[in-house]
């Protein structure tokens, strides 16, 4: 069984979708007029050297790497503390 890996210890392969732990991740709940919910574990795609390859998209000095989400759930590199591979399908 996979275990959590700290991003300071090792990064996932470039372009791989993984489970990510974001300790302070809050998301807005649709139709709830500003209501939010804590979602600490999300699926994101690791993009190595994203800002080096896409300098026009930096917008914020956060480092070289980036986490791409689905919809509007992108995250800057520092948001994620741990990751693990996605489980196998049943």
N, C-alpha and C. Protein backbone atom coordinates (compact mmCIF):
# COMPACT_ATOMS: atom_id res chain seq x y z
N UNK A 1 0.84 -1.18 0.00
CA UNK A 1 0.00 0.00 0.00
C UNK A 1 0.88 1.25 0.00
N UNK A 2 0.49 2.23 -0.78
CA UNK A 2 1.26 3.48 -0.88
C UNK A 2 1.17 4.28 0.42
N UNK A 3 2.20 5.05 0.69
CA UNK A 3 2.21 5.93 1.85
C UNK A 3 2.47 7.35 1.39
N UNK A 4 2.20 8.31 2.26
CA UNK A 4 2.42 9.72 1.94
C UNK A 4 3.91 10.01 1.86
N UNK A 5 4.30 10.81 0.87
CA UNK A 5 5.68 11.23 0.68
C UNK A 5 5.74 12.75 0.81
N UNK A 6 6.64 13.27 1.63
CA UNK A 6 6.80 14.72 1.77
C UNK A 6 7.41 15.28 0.48
N UNK A 7 6.93 16.45 0.04
CA UNK A 7 7.48 17.04 -1.18
C UNK A 7 8.95 17.43 -0.97
N UNK A 8 9.35 17.68 0.28
CA UNK A 8 10.75 17.99 0.56
C UNK A 8 11.64 16.76 0.38
N UNK A 9 11.05 15.57 0.49
CA UNK A 9 11.79 14.31 0.37
C UNK A 9 11.94 13.87 -1.09
N UNK A 10 10.81 13.92 -1.83
CA UNK A 10 10.83 13.46 -3.22
C UNK A 10 9.59 13.99 -3.92
N UNK A 11 9.72 14.27 -5.23
CA UNK A 11 8.60 14.75 -6.03
C UNK A 11 8.10 13.65 -6.96
N UNK A 12 6.83 13.71 -7.34
CA UNK A 12 6.32 12.71 -8.29
C UNK A 12 6.89 12.94 -9.68
N UNK A 13 6.77 11.97 -10.57
CA UNK A 13 7.22 12.17 -11.95
C UNK A 13 6.44 13.31 -12.62
N UNK A 14 7.09 14.00 -13.53
CA UNK A 14 6.48 15.12 -14.25
C UNK A 14 5.21 14.65 -14.97
N UNK A 15 4.13 15.39 -14.80
CA UNK A 15 2.88 15.11 -15.47
C UNK A 15 2.01 14.06 -14.81
N UNK A 16 2.47 13.46 -13.72
CA UNK A 16 1.70 12.39 -13.07
C UNK A 16 0.61 12.95 -12.16
N UNK A 17 -0.59 12.35 -12.25
CA UNK A 17 -1.69 12.68 -11.35
C UNK A 17 -1.50 11.89 -10.06
N UNK A 18 -1.57 12.60 -8.93
CA UNK A 18 -1.35 11.98 -7.62
C UNK A 18 -2.35 12.55 -6.61
N UNK A 19 -2.52 11.86 -5.48
CA UNK A 19 -3.25 12.42 -4.36
C UNK A 19 -2.33 13.40 -3.66
N UNK A 20 -2.85 14.58 -3.32
CA UNK A 20 -2.05 15.60 -2.66
C UNK A 20 -2.70 16.02 -1.35
N UNK A 21 -1.86 16.30 -0.36
CA UNK A 21 -2.35 16.79 0.92
C UNK A 21 -2.07 18.28 1.01
N UNK A 22 -3.13 19.05 1.19
CA UNK A 22 -3.06 20.51 1.33
C UNK A 22 -3.70 20.85 2.68
N UNK A 23 -2.92 21.13 3.72
CA UNK A 23 -3.47 21.26 5.06
C UNK A 23 -4.50 22.37 5.23
N UNK A 24 -4.44 23.43 4.45
CA UNK A 24 -5.36 24.56 4.64
C UNK A 24 -6.29 24.77 3.45
N UNK A 25 -6.57 23.73 2.69
CA UNK A 25 -7.37 23.88 1.47
C UNK A 25 -8.86 24.02 1.78
N UNK A 26 -9.43 25.14 1.41
CA UNK A 26 -10.86 25.42 1.56
C UNK A 26 -11.47 25.56 0.18
N UNK A 27 -12.64 25.00 -0.05
CA UNK A 27 -13.33 25.14 -1.33
C UNK A 27 -14.73 25.70 -1.09
N UNK A 28 -15.18 26.53 -2.04
CA UNK A 28 -16.55 27.06 -1.97
C UNK A 28 -17.53 25.97 -2.38
N UNK A 29 -18.66 25.91 -1.71
CA UNK A 29 -19.70 24.94 -2.03
C UNK A 29 -20.71 25.59 -2.96
N UNK A 30 -20.91 25.02 -4.15
CA UNK A 30 -21.83 25.62 -5.11
C UNK A 30 -23.25 25.75 -4.54
N UNK A 31 -23.85 26.89 -4.81
CA UNK A 31 -25.22 27.13 -4.38
C UNK A 31 -25.39 27.35 -2.89
N UNK A 32 -24.30 27.56 -2.17
CA UNK A 32 -24.38 27.71 -0.71
C UNK A 32 -24.05 29.13 -0.26
N UNK A 33 -24.09 30.10 -1.17
CA UNK A 33 -23.88 31.51 -0.87
C UNK A 33 -22.67 31.76 0.04
N UNK A 34 -21.51 31.40 -0.45
CA UNK A 34 -20.26 31.67 0.25
C UNK A 34 -19.82 30.61 1.24
N UNK A 35 -20.61 29.56 1.42
CA UNK A 35 -20.22 28.49 2.36
C UNK A 35 -18.98 27.77 1.84
N UNK A 36 -18.10 27.37 2.76
CA UNK A 36 -16.86 26.69 2.39
C UNK A 36 -16.74 25.38 3.14
N UNK A 37 -15.87 24.51 2.61
CA UNK A 37 -15.62 23.20 3.23
C UNK A 37 -14.13 22.90 3.16
N UNK A 38 -13.60 22.28 4.21
CA UNK A 38 -12.20 21.86 4.23
C UNK A 38 -12.04 20.61 3.38
N UNK A 39 -11.14 20.65 2.39
CA UNK A 39 -10.82 19.47 1.57
C UNK A 39 -9.30 19.36 1.51
N UNK A 40 -8.76 18.59 2.41
CA UNK A 40 -7.30 18.50 2.54
C UNK A 40 -6.65 17.56 1.55
N UNK A 41 -7.40 16.61 0.98
CA UNK A 41 -6.84 15.66 0.02
C UNK A 41 -7.54 15.84 -1.32
N UNK A 42 -6.75 16.14 -2.35
CA UNK A 42 -7.29 16.32 -3.70
C UNK A 42 -6.37 15.65 -4.72
N UNK A 43 -6.89 15.40 -5.91
CA UNK A 43 -6.09 14.85 -7.01
C UNK A 43 -5.54 16.02 -7.82
N UNK A 44 -4.22 16.06 -8.00
CA UNK A 44 -3.56 17.10 -8.79
C UNK A 44 -2.52 16.46 -9.70
N UNK A 45 -2.15 17.18 -10.76
CA UNK A 45 -1.10 16.73 -11.68
C UNK A 45 0.14 17.58 -11.42
N UNK A 46 1.27 16.90 -11.14
CA UNK A 46 2.52 17.61 -10.88
C UNK A 46 3.15 18.06 -12.19
N UNK A 47 3.52 19.34 -12.28
CA UNK A 47 4.12 19.89 -13.48
C UNK A 47 5.50 20.46 -13.14
N UNK A 48 6.54 19.68 -13.43
CA UNK A 48 7.92 20.08 -13.13
C UNK A 48 8.31 21.26 -14.02
N UNK A 49 8.95 22.25 -13.42
CA UNK A 49 9.45 23.45 -14.13
C UNK A 49 8.36 24.18 -14.91
N UNK A 50 7.12 24.14 -14.44
CA UNK A 50 5.99 24.78 -15.11
C UNK A 50 6.26 26.25 -15.42
N UNK A 51 6.72 27.00 -14.43
CA UNK A 51 6.92 28.43 -14.63
C UNK A 51 8.15 28.74 -15.47
N UNK A 52 9.11 27.84 -15.53
CA UNK A 52 10.26 28.04 -16.43
C UNK A 52 9.83 27.83 -17.88
N UNK A 53 8.93 26.86 -18.11
CA UNK A 53 8.46 26.57 -19.47
C UNK A 53 7.35 27.52 -19.92
N UNK A 54 6.68 28.17 -18.98
CA UNK A 54 5.56 29.06 -19.28
C UNK A 54 5.73 30.39 -18.55
N UNK A 55 6.77 31.17 -18.90
CA UNK A 55 7.06 32.39 -18.14
C UNK A 55 5.93 33.41 -18.15
N UNK A 56 5.09 33.40 -19.17
CA UNK A 56 4.00 34.38 -19.22
C UNK A 56 2.89 34.06 -18.22
N UNK A 57 2.90 32.89 -17.62
CA UNK A 57 1.84 32.47 -16.71
C UNK A 57 2.22 32.58 -15.24
N UNK A 58 3.36 33.16 -14.95
CA UNK A 58 3.82 33.15 -13.56
C UNK A 58 2.86 33.87 -12.64
N UNK A 59 2.60 35.13 -12.85
CA UNK A 59 1.65 35.85 -12.01
C UNK A 59 2.09 36.00 -10.57
N UNK A 60 2.92 35.13 -10.07
CA UNK A 60 3.33 35.15 -8.67
C UNK A 60 4.65 34.39 -8.58
N UNK A 61 5.60 34.93 -7.85
CA UNK A 61 6.90 34.26 -7.70
C UNK A 61 6.76 33.15 -6.67
N UNK A 62 6.58 31.92 -7.13
CA UNK A 62 6.33 30.81 -6.21
C UNK A 62 7.32 29.68 -6.33
N UNK A 63 8.24 29.75 -7.26
CA UNK A 63 9.14 28.63 -7.51
C UNK A 63 8.90 28.09 -8.90
N UNK A 64 9.61 27.04 -9.25
CA UNK A 64 9.56 26.53 -10.61
C UNK A 64 8.38 25.62 -10.91
N UNK A 65 7.91 24.88 -9.91
CA UNK A 65 6.92 23.83 -10.15
C UNK A 65 5.49 24.29 -9.86
N UNK A 66 4.51 23.49 -10.29
CA UNK A 66 3.11 23.85 -10.16
C UNK A 66 2.28 22.58 -10.06
N UNK A 67 1.09 22.68 -9.49
CA UNK A 67 0.14 21.56 -9.41
C UNK A 67 -1.10 21.94 -10.19
N UNK A 68 -1.41 21.19 -11.25
CA UNK A 68 -2.61 21.45 -12.04
C UNK A 68 -3.76 20.62 -11.52
N UNK A 69 -4.89 21.27 -11.30
CA UNK A 69 -6.08 20.57 -10.83
C UNK A 69 -7.12 20.47 -11.91
N UNK A 70 -8.28 19.98 -11.55
CA UNK A 70 -9.40 19.94 -12.47
C UNK A 70 -10.28 21.15 -12.19
N UNK A 71 -10.75 21.80 -13.24
CA UNK A 71 -11.55 23.01 -13.06
C UNK A 71 -10.67 24.14 -12.56
N UNK A 72 -11.06 24.76 -11.47
CA UNK A 72 -10.29 25.89 -10.93
C UNK A 72 -9.51 25.49 -9.69
N UNK A 73 -9.08 24.25 -9.62
CA UNK A 73 -8.40 23.77 -8.42
C UNK A 73 -6.88 23.71 -8.56
N UNK A 74 -6.29 24.61 -9.36
CA UNK A 74 -4.83 24.67 -9.46
C UNK A 74 -4.25 25.14 -8.13
N UNK A 75 -3.00 24.73 -7.85
CA UNK A 75 -2.35 25.14 -6.62
C UNK A 75 -0.88 25.44 -6.87
N UNK A 76 -0.38 26.47 -6.18
CA UNK A 76 1.03 26.77 -6.25
C UNK A 76 1.81 25.69 -5.51
N UNK A 77 3.07 25.52 -5.86
CA UNK A 77 3.89 24.43 -5.35
C UNK A 77 3.89 24.35 -3.83
N UNK A 78 4.01 25.49 -3.16
CA UNK A 78 4.10 25.51 -1.70
C UNK A 78 2.84 25.10 -0.97
N UNK A 79 1.70 25.03 -1.67
CA UNK A 79 0.43 24.65 -1.03
C UNK A 79 0.42 23.18 -0.61
N UNK A 80 1.11 22.33 -1.36
CA UNK A 80 1.08 20.88 -1.15
C UNK A 80 2.24 20.47 -0.24
N UNK A 81 1.95 19.72 0.82
CA UNK A 81 3.02 19.27 1.72
C UNK A 81 3.41 17.81 1.48
N UNK A 82 2.44 16.97 1.05
CA UNK A 82 2.68 15.54 0.84
C UNK A 82 1.90 15.07 -0.38
N UNK A 83 2.32 13.94 -0.93
CA UNK A 83 1.63 13.33 -2.07
C UNK A 83 1.77 11.81 -2.00
N UNK A 84 0.91 11.11 -2.73
CA UNK A 84 1.03 9.65 -2.88
C UNK A 84 0.42 9.25 -4.21
N UNK A 85 0.88 8.13 -4.78
CA UNK A 85 0.31 7.66 -6.06
C UNK A 85 -1.19 7.38 -5.90
N UNK A 86 -1.92 7.52 -7.00
CA UNK A 86 -3.33 7.15 -6.99
C UNK A 86 -3.45 5.63 -6.82
N UNK A 87 -4.48 5.17 -6.13
CA UNK A 87 -4.65 3.72 -5.99
C UNK A 87 -5.04 3.08 -7.32
N UNK A 88 -4.81 1.80 -7.42
CA UNK A 88 -5.21 1.04 -8.62
C UNK A 88 -6.74 1.00 -8.70
N UNK A 89 -7.26 0.97 -9.91
CA UNK A 89 -8.71 0.84 -10.09
C UNK A 89 -9.17 -0.55 -9.66
N UNK A 90 -10.43 -0.67 -9.21
CA UNK A 90 -10.91 -2.00 -8.78
C UNK A 90 -11.04 -2.96 -9.96
